[in-house]
PDB file of N, CA and C in Angstrom:
ATOM      1  N   MET A   1     100.437 120.463 206.896  1.00  0.00           N
ATOM      2  CA  MET A   1     100.373 121.979 207.320  1.00  0.00           C
ATOM      3  C   MET A   1     101.426 122.568 208.066  1.00  0.00           C
ATOM      4  N   ASP A   2     102.039 121.879 208.923  1.00  0.00           N
ATOM      5  CA  ASP A   2     103.103 122.552 209.481  1.00  0.00           C
ATOM      6  C   ASP A   2     104.498 122.653 208.680  1.00  0.00           C
ATOM      7  N   THR A   3     104.721 121.727 207.902  1.00  0.00           N
ATOM      8  CA  THR A   3     105.859 121.742 207.181  1.00  0.00           C
ATOM      9  C   THR A   3     105.746 122.700 205.952  1.00  0.00           C
ATOM     10  N   PHE A   4     104.607 123.141 205.293  1.00  0.00           N
ATOM     11  CA  PHE A   4     104.542 123.995 204.346  1.00  0.00           C
ATOM     12  C   PHE A   4     103.975 125.308 204.799  1.00  0.00           C
ATOM     13  N   ASN A   5     103.575 125.446 206.102  1.00  0.00           N
ATOM     14  CA  ASN A   5     102.818 126.628 206.454  1.00  0.00           C
ATOM     15  C   ASN A   5     101.603 127.051 205.630  1.00  0.00           C
ATOM     16  N   VAL A   6     100.752 125.971 205.555  1.00  0.00           N
ATOM     17  CA  VAL A   6      99.498 126.201 204.702  1.00  0.00           C
ATOM     18  C   VAL A   6      98.217 125.952 205.629  1.00  0.00           C
ATOM     19  N   SER A   7      97.092 126.383 205.099  1.00  0.00           N
ATOM     20  CA  SER A   7      95.857 126.188 205.709  1.00  0.00           C
ATOM     21  C   SER A   7      95.496 124.731 205.569  1.00  0.00           C
ATOM     22  N   ARG A   8      94.233 124.520 206.302  1.00  0.00           N
ATOM     23  CA  ARG A   8      93.714 123.064 206.268  1.00  0.00           C
ATOM     24  C   ARG A   8      93.192 122.880 204.836  1.00  0.00           C
ATOM     25  N   SER A   9      92.636 123.911 204.300  1.00  0.00           N
ATOM     26  CA  SER A   9      91.966 123.628 202.802  1.00  0.00           C
ATOM     27  C   SER A   9      93.112 123.536 201.812  1.00  0.00           C
ATOM     28  N   ASP A  10      94.260 124.161 201.857  1.00  0.00           N
ATOM     29  CA  ASP A  10      95.196 123.861 200.974  1.00  0.00           C
ATOM     30  C   ASP A  10      95.876 122.490 201.213  1.00  0.00           C
ATOM     31  N   ALA A  11      96.211 122.024 202.434  1.00  0.00           N
ATOM     32  CA  ALA A  11      96.548 120.690 202.724  1.00  0.00           C
ATOM     33  C   ALA A  11      95.511 119.635 202.294  1.00  0.00           C
ATOM     34  N   ALA A  12      94.392 119.759 202.312  1.00  0.00           N
ATOM     35  CA  ALA A  12      93.282 118.856 201.926  1.00  0.00           C
ATOM     36  C   ALA A  12      93.181 118.837 200.484  1.00  0.00           C
ATOM     37  N   LEU A  13      93.893 119.716 199.789  1.00  0.00           N
ATOM     38  CA  LEU A  13      93.857 119.677 198.254  1.00  0.00           C
ATOM     39  C   LEU A  13      94.438 118.477 197.721  1.00  0.00           C
ATOM     40  N   VAL A  14      95.470 117.972 198.403  1.00  0.00           N
ATOM     41  CA  VAL A  14      96.258 116.774 198.084  1.00  0.00           C
ATOM     42  C   VAL A  14      95.304 115.629 197.983  1.00  0.00           C
ATOM     43  N   GLN A  15      94.469 115.344 199.063  1.00  0.00           N
ATOM     44  CA  GLN A  15      93.580 114.160 199.058  1.00  0.00           C
ATOM     45  C   GLN A  15      92.518 114.452 198.163  1.00  0.00           C
ATOM     46  N   SER A  16      92.007 115.672 197.994  1.00  0.00           N
ATOM     47  CA  SER A  16      90.757 115.949 197.085  1.00  0.00           C
ATOM     48  C   SER A  16      91.247 115.682 195.552  1.00  0.00           C
ATOM     49  N   VAL A  17      92.322 116.024 195.144  1.00  0.00           N
ATOM     50  CA  VAL A  17      92.723 115.725 193.807  1.00  0.00           C
ATOM     51  C   VAL A  17      93.021 114.167 193.594  1.00  0.00           C
ATOM     52  N   ASN A  18      93.582 113.511 194.629  1.00  0.00           N
ATOM     53  CA  ASN A  18      93.740 112.211 194.612  1.00  0.00           C
ATOM     54  C   ASN A  18      92.306 111.327 194.372  1.00  0.00           C
ATOM     55  N   ILE A  19      91.374 111.757 195.119  1.00  0.00           N
ATOM     56  CA  ILE A  19      90.132 111.220 195.028  1.00  0.00           C
ATOM     57  C   ILE A  19      89.472 111.342 193.652  1.00  0.00           C
ATOM     58  N   ALA A  20      89.593 112.877 193.196  1.00  0.00           N
ATOM     59  CA  ALA A  20      88.935 112.997 191.859  1.00  0.00           C
ATOM     60  C   ALA A  20      89.857 112.374 190.867  1.00  0.00           C
ATOM     61  N   ALA A  21      91.206 112.197 190.840  1.00  0.00           N
ATOM     62  CA  ALA A  21      91.769 111.397 189.878  1.00  0.00           C
ATOM     63  C   ALA A  21      91.476 110.008 189.804  1.00  0.00           C
ATOM     64  N   SER A  22      91.260 109.548 190.948  1.00  0.00           N
ATOM     65  CA  SER A  22      90.780 108.020 191.205  1.00  0.00           C
ATOM     66  C   SER A  22      89.488 107.699 190.401  1.00  0.00           C
ATOM     67  N   LEU A  23      88.555 108.557 190.696  1.00  0.00           N
ATOM     68  CA  LEU A  23      87.225 108.404 190.024  1.00  0.00           C
ATOM     69  C   LEU A  23      87.167 108.809 188.756  1.00  0.00           C
ATOM     70  N   CYS A  24      87.947 109.756 188.238  1.00  0.00           N
ATOM     71  CA  CYS A  24      87.657 110.238 186.864  1.00  0.00           C
ATOM     72  C   CYS A  24      88.694 109.373 186.003  1.00  0.00           C
ATOM     73  N   SER A  25      89.582 108.508 186.485  1.00  0.00           N
ATOM     74  CA  SER A  25      90.492 107.852 185.602  1.00  0.00           C
ATOM     75  C   SER A  25      90.031 106.383 185.372  1.00  0.00           C
ATOM     76  N   GLY A  26      88.675 105.981 185.611  1.00  0.00           N
ATOM     77  CA  GLY A  26      88.274 104.768 185.622  1.00  0.00           C
ATOM     78  C   GLY A  26      88.239 104.138 184.070  1.00  0.00           C
ATOM     79  N   VAL A  27      87.769 105.145 183.384  1.00  0.00           N
ATOM     80  CA  VAL A  27      87.650 104.786 181.927  1.00  0.00           C
ATOM     81  C   VAL A  27      88.955 104.634 181.249  1.00  0.00           C
ATOM     82  N   PHE A  28      89.910 105.263 181.512  1.00  0.00           N
ATOM     83  CA  PHE A  28      91.310 105.200 181.139  1.00  0.00           C
ATOM     84  C   PHE A  28      92.052 103.862 181.629  1.00  0.00           C
ATOM     85  N   HIS A  29      91.899 103.633 182.838  1.00  0.00           N
ATOM     86  CA  HIS A  29      92.394 102.394 183.485  1.00  0.00           C
ATOM     87  C   HIS A  29      91.668 101.130 183.023  1.00  0.00           C
ATOM     88  N   GLY A  30      90.380 101.289 182.882  1.00  0.00           N
ATOM     89  CA  GLY A  30      89.671  99.964 182.363  1.00  0.00           C
ATOM     90  C   GLY A  30      90.308  99.655 181.022  1.00  0.00           C
ATOM     91  N   ALA A  31      90.547 100.773 180.001  1.00  0.00           N
ATOM     92  CA  ALA A  31      91.053 100.418 178.824  1.00  0.00           C
ATOM     93  C   ALA A  31      92.525  99.778 178.694  1.00  0.00           C
ATOM     94  N   LEU A  32      93.237 100.274 179.799  1.00  0.00           N
ATOM     95  CA  LEU A  32      94.463  99.492 179.970  1.00  0.00           C
ATOM     96  C   LEU A  32      94.466  98.254 180.486  1.00  0.00           C
ATOM     97  N   LEU A  33      93.381  97.974 181.367  1.00  0.00           N
ATOM     98  CA  LEU A  33      93.266  96.619 181.867  1.00  0.00           C
ATOM     99  C   LEU A  33      92.782  95.723 180.740  1.00  0.00           C
ATOM    100  N   GLN A  34      91.945  96.072 179.881  1.00  0.00           N
ATOM    101  CA  GLN A  34      91.583  95.195 178.717  1.00  0.00           C
ATOM    102  C   GLN A  34      92.651  94.983 177.706  1.00  0.00           C
ATOM    103  N   THR A  35      93.439  95.980 177.524  1.00  0.00           N
ATOM    104  CA  THR A  35      94.485  95.993 176.485  1.00  0.00           C
ATOM    105  C   THR A  35      95.693  95.256 177.005  1.00  0.00           C
ATOM    106  N   PHE A  36      96.167  95.525 178.188  1.00  0.00           N
ATOM    107  CA  PHE A  36      97.485  94.916 178.718  1.00  0.00           C
ATOM    108  C   PHE A  36      97.352  93.835 179.719  1.00  0.00           C
ATOM    109  N   GLY A  37      96.074  93.638 180.286  1.00  0.00           N
ATOM    110  CA  GLY A  37      95.985  92.658 181.363  1.00  0.00           C
ATOM    111  C   GLY A  37      96.159  93.187 182.730  1.00  0.00           C
ATOM    112  N   VAL A  38      95.449  92.483 183.729  1.00  0.00           N
ATOM    113  CA  VAL A  38      95.511  92.961 185.115  1.00  0.00           C
ATOM    114  C   VAL A  38      96.841  92.965 185.650  1.00  0.00           C
ATOM    115  N   ARG A  39      97.503  91.931 185.426  1.00  0.00           N
ATOM    116  CA  ARG A  39      98.948  91.749 186.128  1.00  0.00           C
ATOM    117  C   ARG A  39      99.827  92.872 185.673  1.00  0.00           C
ATOM    118  N   ASN A  40      99.957  93.150 184.340  1.00  0.00           N
ATOM    119  CA  ASN A  40     100.895  94.074 183.878  1.00  0.00           C
ATOM    120  C   ASN A  40     100.562  95.518 184.207  1.00  0.00           C
ATOM    121  N   VAL A  41      99.194  95.871 184.232  1.00  0.00           N
ATOM    122  CA  VAL A  41      98.810  97.304 184.617  1.00  0.00           C
ATOM    123  C   VAL A  41      99.040  97.476 186.045  1.00  0.00           C
ATOM    124  N   ALA A  42      98.776  96.357 186.784  1.00  0.00           N
ATOM    125  CA  ALA A  42      98.998  96.468 188.318  1.00  0.00           C
ATOM    126  C   ALA A  42     100.508  96.654 188.642  1.00  0.00           C
ATOM    127  N   LEU A  43     101.193  95.750 188.056  1.00  0.00           N
ATOM    128  CA  LEU A  43     102.737  95.887 188.181  1.00  0.00           C
ATOM    129  C   LEU A  43     103.285  97.443 187.712  1.00  0.00           C
ATOM    130  N   CYS A  44     102.693  97.887 186.647  1.00  0.00           N
ATOM    131  CA  CYS A  44     103.288  99.214 186.285  1.00  0.00           C
ATOM    132  C   CYS A  44     102.752 100.217 187.252  1.00  0.00           C
ATOM    133  N   LEU A  45     101.492 100.249 187.686  1.00  0.00           N
ATOM    134  CA  LEU A  45     100.869 101.119 188.561  1.00  0.00           C
ATOM    135  C   LEU A  45     101.754 101.020 189.962  1.00  0.00           C
ATOM    136  N   SER A  46     102.002  99.889 190.430  1.00  0.00           N
ATOM    137  CA  SER A  46     102.814  99.731 191.643  1.00  0.00           C
ATOM    138  C   SER A  46     104.012 100.431 191.615  1.00  0.00           C
ATOM    139  N   CYS A  47     104.757 100.407 190.496  1.00  0.00           N
ATOM    140  CA  CYS A  47     106.022 101.109 190.405  1.00  0.00           C
ATOM    141  C   CYS A  47     105.725 102.452 190.258  1.00  0.00           C
ATOM    142  N   ILE A  48     104.765 102.932 189.521  1.00  0.00           N
ATOM    143  CA  ILE A  48     104.451 104.515 189.480  1.00  0.00           C
ATOM    144  C   ILE A  48     104.153 104.964 190.903  1.00  0.00           C
ATOM    145  N   ILE A  49     103.401 104.357 191.627  1.00  0.00           N
ATOM    146  CA  ILE A  49     102.904 104.615 193.081  1.00  0.00           C
ATOM    147  C   ILE A  49     104.291 104.731 193.839  1.00  0.00           C
ATOM    148  N   SER A  50     105.068 103.798 193.841  1.00  0.00           N
ATOM    149  CA  SER A  50     106.347 103.711 194.600  1.00  0.00           C
ATOM    150  C   SER A  50     107.304 104.935 194.292  1.00  0.00           C
ATOM    151  N   ILE A  51     107.398 105.209 193.010  1.00  0.00           N
ATOM    152  CA  ILE A  51     108.162 106.481 192.612  1.00  0.00           C
ATOM    153  C   ILE A  51     107.660 107.696 193.051  1.00  0.00           C
ATOM    154  N   SER A  52     106.372 107.911 192.852  1.00  0.00           N
ATOM    155  CA  SER A  52     105.521 109.233 193.231  1.00  0.00           C
ATOM    156  C   SER A  52     105.700 109.425 194.574  1.00  0.00           C
ATOM    157  N   PHE A  53     105.433 108.240 195.411  1.00  0.00           N
ATOM    158  CA  PHE A  53     105.523 108.524 196.971  1.00  0.00           C
ATOM    159  C   PHE A  53     107.174 108.738 197.426  1.00  0.00           C
ATOM    160  N   GLY A  54     107.943 108.091 196.699  1.00  0.00           N
ATOM    161  CA  GLY A  54     109.391 108.280 197.035  1.00  0.00           C
ATOM    162  C   GLY A  54     109.813 109.727 196.655  1.00  0.00           C
ATOM    163  N   ILE A  55     109.358 110.287 195.467  1.00  0.00           N
ATOM    164  CA  ILE A  55     109.756 111.603 195.389  1.00  0.00           C
ATOM    165  C   ILE A  55     108.891 112.699 196.062  1.00  0.00           C
ATOM    166  N   SER A  56     107.920 112.289 196.508  1.00  0.00           N
ATOM    167  CA  SER A  56     107.182 113.252 197.384  1.00  0.00           C
ATOM    168  C   SER A  56     107.950 113.428 198.698  1.00  0.00           C
ATOM    169  N   PHE A  57     108.680 112.800 199.104  1.00  0.00           N
ATOM    170  CA  PHE A  57     109.713 113.031 200.191  1.00  0.00           C
ATOM    171  C   PHE A  57     110.329 114.388 200.183  1.00  0.00           C
ATOM    172  N   PHE A  58     110.676 114.562 198.864  1.00  0.00           N
ATOM    173  CA  PHE A  58     111.590 115.771 198.593  1.00  0.00           C
ATOM    174  C   PHE A  58     110.533 116.939 198.207  1.00  0.00           C
ATOM    175  N   ALA A  59     109.429 116.847 198.516  1.00  0.00           N
ATOM    176  CA  ALA A  59     108.269 118.069 198.108  1.00  0.00           C
ATOM    177  C   ALA A  59     108.895 119.298 198.887  1.00  0.00           C
ATOM    178  N   THR A  60     108.711 120.404 197.946  1.00  0.00           N
ATOM    179  CA  THR A  60     108.973 121.790 198.566  1.00  0.00           C
ATOM    180  C   THR A  60     107.576 122.461 198.627  1.00  0.00           C
ATOM    181  N   SER A  61     106.535 122.104 198.069  1.00  0.00           N
ATOM    182  CA  SER A  61     105.305 122.872 198.199  1.00  0.00           C
ATOM    183  C   SER A  61     104.260 121.832 197.959  1.00  0.00           C
ATOM    184  N   ILE A  62     102.964 122.501 198.279  1.00  0.00           N
ATOM    185  CA  ILE A  62     101.747 121.771 198.199  1.00  0.00           C
ATOM    186  C   ILE A  62     101.390 121.280 196.682  1.00  0.00           C
ATOM    187  N   THR A  63     101.793 122.127 195.689  1.00  0.00           N
ATOM    188  CA  THR A  63     101.641 122.018 194.368  1.00  0.00           C
ATOM    189  C   THR A  63     102.341 120.674 194.030  1.00  0.00           C
ATOM    190  N   PHE A  64     103.613 120.590 194.612  1.00  0.00           N
ATOM    191  CA  PHE A  64     104.466 119.450 194.148  1.00  0.00           C
ATOM    192  C   PHE A  64     103.712 118.110 194.760  1.00  0.00           C
ATOM    193  N   LEU A  65     103.111 118.042 195.891  1.00  0.00           N
ATOM    194  CA  LEU A  65     102.529 117.044 196.450  1.00  0.00           C
ATOM    195  C   LEU A  65     101.058 116.618 195.707  1.00  0.00           C
ATOM    196  N   VAL A  66     100.571 117.598 195.240  1.00  0.00           N
ATOM    197  CA  VAL A  66      99.214 117.533 194.409  1.00  0.00           C
ATOM    198  C   VAL A  66      99.618 116.640 193.229  1.00  0.00           C
ATOM    199  N   ILE A  67     100.700 117.041 192.568  1.00  0.00           N
ATOM    200  CA  ILE A  67     101.085 116.327 191.401  1.00  0.00           C
ATOM    201  C   ILE A  67     101.534 115.052 191.667  1.00  0.00           C
ATOM    202  N   SER A  68     102.477 114.854 192.714  1.00  0.00           N
ATOM    203  CA  SER A  68     103.154 113.562 192.741  1.00  0.00           C
ATOM    204  C   SER A  68     102.182 112.519 193.553  1.00  0.00           C
ATOM    205  N   ILE A  69     101.452 112.915 194.593  1.00  0.00           N
ATOM    206  CA  ILE A  69     100.496 112.025 195.263  1.00  0.00           C
ATOM    207  C   ILE A  69      99.095 112.129 194.617  1.00  0.00           C
ATOM    208  N   GLY A  70      98.548 113.440 194.270  1.00  0.00           N
ATOM    209  CA  GLY A  70      97.274 113.568 194.055  1.00  0.00           C
ATOM    210  C   GLY A  70      97.036 112.942 192.697  1.00  0.00           C
ATOM    211  N   ILE A  71      97.958 113.206 191.688  1.00  0.00           N
ATOM    212  CA  ILE A  71      97.448 112.725 190.344  1.00  0.00           C
ATOM    213  C   ILE A  71      98.249 111.448 190.032  1.00  0.00           C
ATOM    214  N   PHE A  72      99.397 111.097 190.415  1.00  0.00           N
ATOM    215  CA  PHE A  72     100.094 110.098 190.056  1.00  0.00           C
ATOM    216  C   PHE A  72     100.136 109.029 191.449  1.00  0.00           C
ATOM    217  N   GLY A  73      99.409 109.127 192.244  1.00  0.00           N
ATOM    218  CA  GLY A  73      99.151 108.497 193.506  1.00  0.00           C
ATOM    219  C   GLY A  73      98.566 107.137 193.302  1.00  0.00           C
ATOM    220  N   ILE A  74      97.665 106.867 194.011  1.00  0.00           N
ATOM    221  CA  ILE A  74      97.021 105.493 194.089  1.00  0.00           C
ATOM    222  C   ILE A  74      95.714 105.344 193.196  1.00  0.00           C
ATOM    223  N   SER A  75      95.622 106.201 192.184  1.00  0.00           N
ATOM    224  CA  SER A  75      94.436 106.447 191.421  1.00  0.00           C
ATOM    225  C   SER A  75      93.974 105.141 190.754  1.00  0.00           C
ATOM    226  N   GLY A  76      94.825 104.335 190.056  1.00  0.00           N
ATOM    227  CA  GLY A  76      94.541 103.178 189.448  1.00  0.00           C
ATOM    228  C   GLY A  76      94.531 101.915 190.122  1.00  0.00           C
ATOM    229  N   ILE A  77      95.152 101.802 191.187  1.00  0.00           N
ATOM    230  CA  ILE A  77      95.392 100.558 191.770  1.00  0.00           C
ATOM    231  C   ILE A  77      94.061 100.055 192.282  1.00  0.00           C
ATOM    232  N   PHE A  78      93.255 100.855 192.786  1.00  0.00           N
ATOM    233  CA  PHE A  78      91.795 100.446 193.153  1.00  0.00           C
ATOM    234  C   PHE A  78      91.154  99.693 192.194  1.00  0.00           C
ATOM    235  N   ILE A  79      91.091 100.303 191.040  1.00  0.00           N
ATOM    236  CA  ILE A  79      90.507  99.597 189.986  1.00  0.00           C
ATOM    237  C   ILE A  79      90.926  98.298 189.539  1.00  0.00           C
ATOM    238  N   SER A  80      92.309  98.225 189.420  1.00  0.00           N
ATOM    239  CA  SER A  80      93.173  96.954 189.301  1.00  0.00           C
ATOM    240  C   SER A  80      92.912  95.882 190.252  1.00  0.00           C
ATOM    241  N   THR A  81      92.791  96.260 191.487  1.00  0.00           N
ATOM    242  CA  THR A  81      92.495  95.227 192.549  1.00  0.00           C
ATOM    243  C   THR A  81      91.081  94.806 192.438  1.00  0.00           C
ATOM    244  N   ALA A  82      90.166  95.648 192.204  1.00  0.00           N
ATOM    245  CA  ALA A  82      88.752  95.269 192.054  1.00  0.00           C
ATOM    246  C   ALA A  82      88.592  94.224 190.817  1.00  0.00           C
ATOM    247  N   ALA A  83      89.234  94.684 189.695  1.00  0.00           N
ATOM    248  CA  ALA A  83      89.158  93.862 188.405  1.00  0.00           C
ATOM    249  C   ALA A  83      89.874  92.497 188.636  1.00  0.00           C
ATOM    250  N   ALA A  84      91.076  92.412 189.282  1.00  0.00           N
ATOM    251  CA  ALA A  84      91.683  91.152 189.630  1.00  0.00           C
ATOM    252  C   ALA A  84      90.711  90.225 190.347  1.00  0.00           C
ATOM    253  N   THR A  85      90.082  90.824 191.407  1.00  0.00           N
ATOM    254  CA  THR A  85      89.348  90.033 192.309  1.00  0.00           C
ATOM    255  C   THR A  85      88.069  89.531 191.558  1.00  0.00           C
ATOM    256  N   GLY A  86      87.448  90.461 190.893  1.00  0.00           N
ATOM    257  CA  GLY A  86      86.263  90.179 189.916  1.00  0.00           C
ATOM    258  C   GLY A  86      86.585  89.173 188.874  1.00  0.00           C
ATOM    259  N   ARG A  87      87.750  89.037 188.425  1.00  0.00           N
ATOM    260  CA  ARG A  87      88.065  88.065 187.397  1.00  0.00           C
ATOM    261  C   ARG A  87      88.271  86.620 187.945  1.00  0.00           C
ATOM    262  N   HIS A  88      88.932  86.665 189.097  1.00  0.00           N
ATOM    263  CA  HIS A  88      89.293  85.339 189.588  1.00  0.00           C
ATOM    264  C   HIS A  88      88.206  84.741 190.475  1.00  0.00           C
ATOM    265  N   PHE A  89      87.230  85.508 191.031  1.00  0.00           N
ATOM    266  CA  PHE A  89      86.364  84.793 191.958  1.00  0.00           C
ATOM    267  C   PHE A  89      84.884  85.355 191.383  1.00  0.00           C
ATOM    268  N   HIS A  90      83.818  84.304 191.685  1.00  0.00           N
ATOM    269  CA  HIS A  90      82.578  84.529 190.927  1.00  0.00           C
ATOM    270  C   HIS A  90      81.555  84.321 191.988  1.00  0.00           C
ATOM    271  N   GLY A  91      80.481  85.055 191.784  1.00  0.00           N
ATOM    272  CA  GLY A  91      79.250  84.702 192.616  1.00  0.00           C
ATOM    273  C   GLY A  91      79.460  85.521 193.844  1.00  0.00           C
ATOM    274  N   LYS A  92      78.876  84.705 194.871  1.00  0.00           N
ATOM    275  CA  LYS A  92      78.885  85.488 196.130  1.00  0.00           C
ATOM    276  C   LYS A  92      80.355  85.657 196.772  1.00  0.00           C
ATOM    277  N   GLN A  93      81.049  84.640 196.512  1.00  0.00           N
ATOM    278  CA  GLN A  93      82.553  84.800 197.009  1.00  0.00           C
ATOM    279  C   GLN A  93      83.238  86.109 196.248  1.00  0.00           C
ATOM    280  N   GLY A  94      82.947  86.300 195.061  1.00  0.00           N
ATOM    281  CA  GLY A  94      83.610  87.375 194.325  1.00  0.00           C
ATOM    282  C   GLY A  94      83.184  88.647 194.973  1.00  0.00           C
ATOM    283  N   LEU A  95      81.725  88.796 195.125  1.00  0.00           N
ATOM    284  CA  LEU A  95      81.125  89.921 195.830  1.00  0.00           C
ATOM    285  C   LEU A  95      81.680  90.367 197.324  1.00  0.00           C
ATOM    286  N   PHE A  96      81.943  89.204 198.075  1.00  0.00           N
ATOM    287  CA  PHE A  96      82.417  89.343 199.347  1.00  0.00           C
ATOM    288  C   PHE A  96      83.844  89.787 199.319  1.00  0.00           C
ATOM    289  N   LEU A  97      84.778  89.215 198.416  1.00  0.00           N
ATOM    290  CA  LEU A  97      86.089  89.628 198.383  1.00  0.00           C
ATOM    291  C   LEU A  97      86.463  91.070 197.738  1.00  0.00           C
ATOM    292  N   VAL A  98      85.472  91.448 196.846  1.00  0.00           N
ATOM    293  CA  VAL A  98      85.545  92.735 196.375  1.00  0.00           C
ATOM    294  C   VAL A  98      85.303  93.792 197.409  1.00  0.00           C
ATOM    295  N   SER A  99      84.260  93.501 198.412  1.00  0.00           N
ATOM    296  CA  SER A  99      83.846  94.246 199.544  1.00  0.00           C
ATOM    297  C   SER A  99      85.083  94.343 200.417  1.00  0.00           C
ATOM    298  N   ILE A 100      85.737  93.218 200.645  1.00  0.00           N
ATOM    299  CA  ILE A 100      86.837  93.240 201.619  1.00  0.00           C
ATOM    300  C   ILE A 100      88.060  94.144 200.984  1.00  0.00           C
ATOM    301  N   VAL A 101      88.191  94.111 199.657  1.00  0.00           N
ATOM    302  CA  VAL A 101      89.407  95.053 198.988  1.00  0.00           C
ATOM    303  C   VAL A 101      88.902  96.433 199.439  1.00  0.00           C
ATOM    304  N   ASN A 102      87.628  96.889 199.161  1.00  0.00           N
ATOM    305  CA  ASN A 102      87.344  98.090 199.347  1.00  0.00           C
ATOM    306  C   ASN A 102      87.235  98.626 200.853  1.00  0.00           C
ATOM    307  N   VAL A 103      86.859  97.762 201.641  1.00  0.00           N
ATOM    308  CA  VAL A 103      86.776  98.025 203.004  1.00  0.00           C
ATOM    309  C   VAL A 103      88.147  98.125 203.709  1.00  0.00           C
ATOM    310  N   GLY A 104      89.002  97.307 203.107  1.00  0.00           N
ATOM    311  CA  GLY A 104      90.483  97.313 203.581  1.00  0.00           C
ATOM    312  C   GLY A 104      91.332  98.639 203.280  1.00  0.00           C
ATOM    313  N   SER A 105      90.853  99.452 202.195  1.00  0.00           N
ATOM    314  CA  SER A 105      91.676 100.614 201.885  1.00  0.00           C
ATOM    315  C   SER A 105      91.294 101.833 202.953  1.00  0.00           C
ATOM    316  N   GLY A 106      89.848 101.694 203.259  1.00  0.00           N
ATOM    317  CA  GLY A 106      89.214 102.708 204.177  1.00  0.00           C
ATOM    318  C   GLY A 106      89.687 102.367 205.574  1.00  0.00           C
ATOM    319  N   LEU A 107      89.726 101.092 205.940  1.00  0.00           N
ATOM    320  CA  LEU A 107      90.347 100.579 207.328  1.00  0.00           C
ATOM    321  C   LEU A 107      91.682 100.996 207.595  1.00  0.00           C
ATOM    322  N   GLY A 108      92.531 100.690 206.426  1.00  0.00           N
ATOM    323  CA  GLY A 108      93.788 101.092 206.536  1.00  0.00           C
ATOM    324  C   GLY A 108      94.080 102.623 206.785  1.00  0.00           C
ATOM    325  N   GLY A 109      93.121 103.477 206.194  1.00  0.00           N
ATOM    326  CA  GLY A 109      93.331 104.837 206.241  1.00  0.00           C
ATOM    327  C   GLY A 109      93.002 105.325 207.741  1.00  0.00           C
ATOM    328  N   VAL A 110      92.053 104.513 208.421  1.00  0.00           N
ATOM    329  CA  VAL A 110      91.774 104.705 209.815  1.00  0.00           C
ATOM    330  C   VAL A 110      92.841 104.302 210.791  1.00  0.00           C
ATOM    331  N   ILE A 111      93.342 103.121 210.500  1.00  0.00           N
ATOM    332  CA  ILE A 111      94.541 102.577 211.365  1.00  0.00           C
ATOM    333  C   ILE A 111      95.774 103.132 211.286  1.00  0.00           C
ATOM    334  N   PHE A 112      96.206 103.545 209.925  1.00  0.00           N
ATOM    335  CA  PHE A 112      97.574 103.986 209.774  1.00  0.00           C
ATOM    336  C   PHE A 112      97.945 105.153 210.613  1.00  0.00           C
ATOM    337  N   PRO A 113      97.226 106.182 210.799  1.00  0.00           N
ATOM    338  CA  PRO A 113      97.735 107.240 211.650  1.00  0.00           C
ATOM    339  C   PRO A 113      98.125 106.838 213.135  1.00  0.00           C
ATOM    340  N   TYR A 114      97.410 105.890 213.627  1.00  0.00           N
ATOM    341  CA  TYR A 114      97.977 105.293 214.854  1.00  0.00           C
ATOM    342  C   TYR A 114      99.262 104.427 214.780  1.00  0.00           C
ATOM    343  N   VAL A 115      99.311 103.615 213.842  1.00  0.00           N
ATOM    344  CA  VAL A 115     100.650 102.931 213.550  1.00  0.00           C
ATOM    345  C   VAL A 115     101.764 103.986 213.295  1.00  0.00           C
ATOM    346  N   PHE A 116     101.526 104.933 212.476  1.00  0.00           N
ATOM    347  CA  PHE A 116     102.521 105.853 212.339  1.00  0.00           C
ATOM    348  C   PHE A 116     103.072 106.642 213.430  1.00  0.00           C
ATOM    349  N   ASN A 117     102.000 107.150 214.347  1.00  0.00           N
ATOM    350  CA  ASN A 117     102.361 107.704 215.556  1.00  0.00           C
ATOM    351  C   ASN A 117     103.190 106.832 216.325  1.00  0.00           C
ATOM    352  N   TYR A 118     102.773 105.465 216.524  1.00  0.00           N
ATOM    353  CA  TYR A 118     103.607 104.517 217.316  1.00  0.00           C
ATOM    354  C   TYR A 118     104.944 104.379 216.661  1.00  0.00           C
ATOM    355  N   MET A 119     105.203 104.314 215.505  1.00  0.00           N
ATOM    356  CA  MET A 119     106.439 103.967 214.883  1.00  0.00           C
ATOM    357  C   MET A 119     107.366 105.111 215.046  1.00  0.00           C
ATOM    358  N   THR A 120     106.826 106.442 214.912  1.00  0.00           N
ATOM    359  CA  THR A 120     107.672 107.542 215.036  1.00  0.00           C
ATOM    360  C   THR A 120     107.965 107.765 216.367  1.00  0.00           C
TER     361      THR A 120
END
């Protein structure tokens, strides 16, 4: 908000597009997982995430961030981690570990601002 002098709603657009892209791309990422395998898709998505977050450092507008982080951000990695966990662990152990994967991302979002403030 301070960097680009925008309102809260404009700044929240980045996260909103990211969540929408994550939820709407499930069929596409599922097809990629079936075709190329979990490891290959996760590796490619990790590279895409690294590149998109790296170029977002040079963002000049909210639109740039919506594209770099919102669309190409972390949309498919959630599906890949759940698929990898589900394929390697079965029964109650698989359900428990998939829930840990999902809770971990939310918990990281809660803890990260405090870690970021401490580090800066």
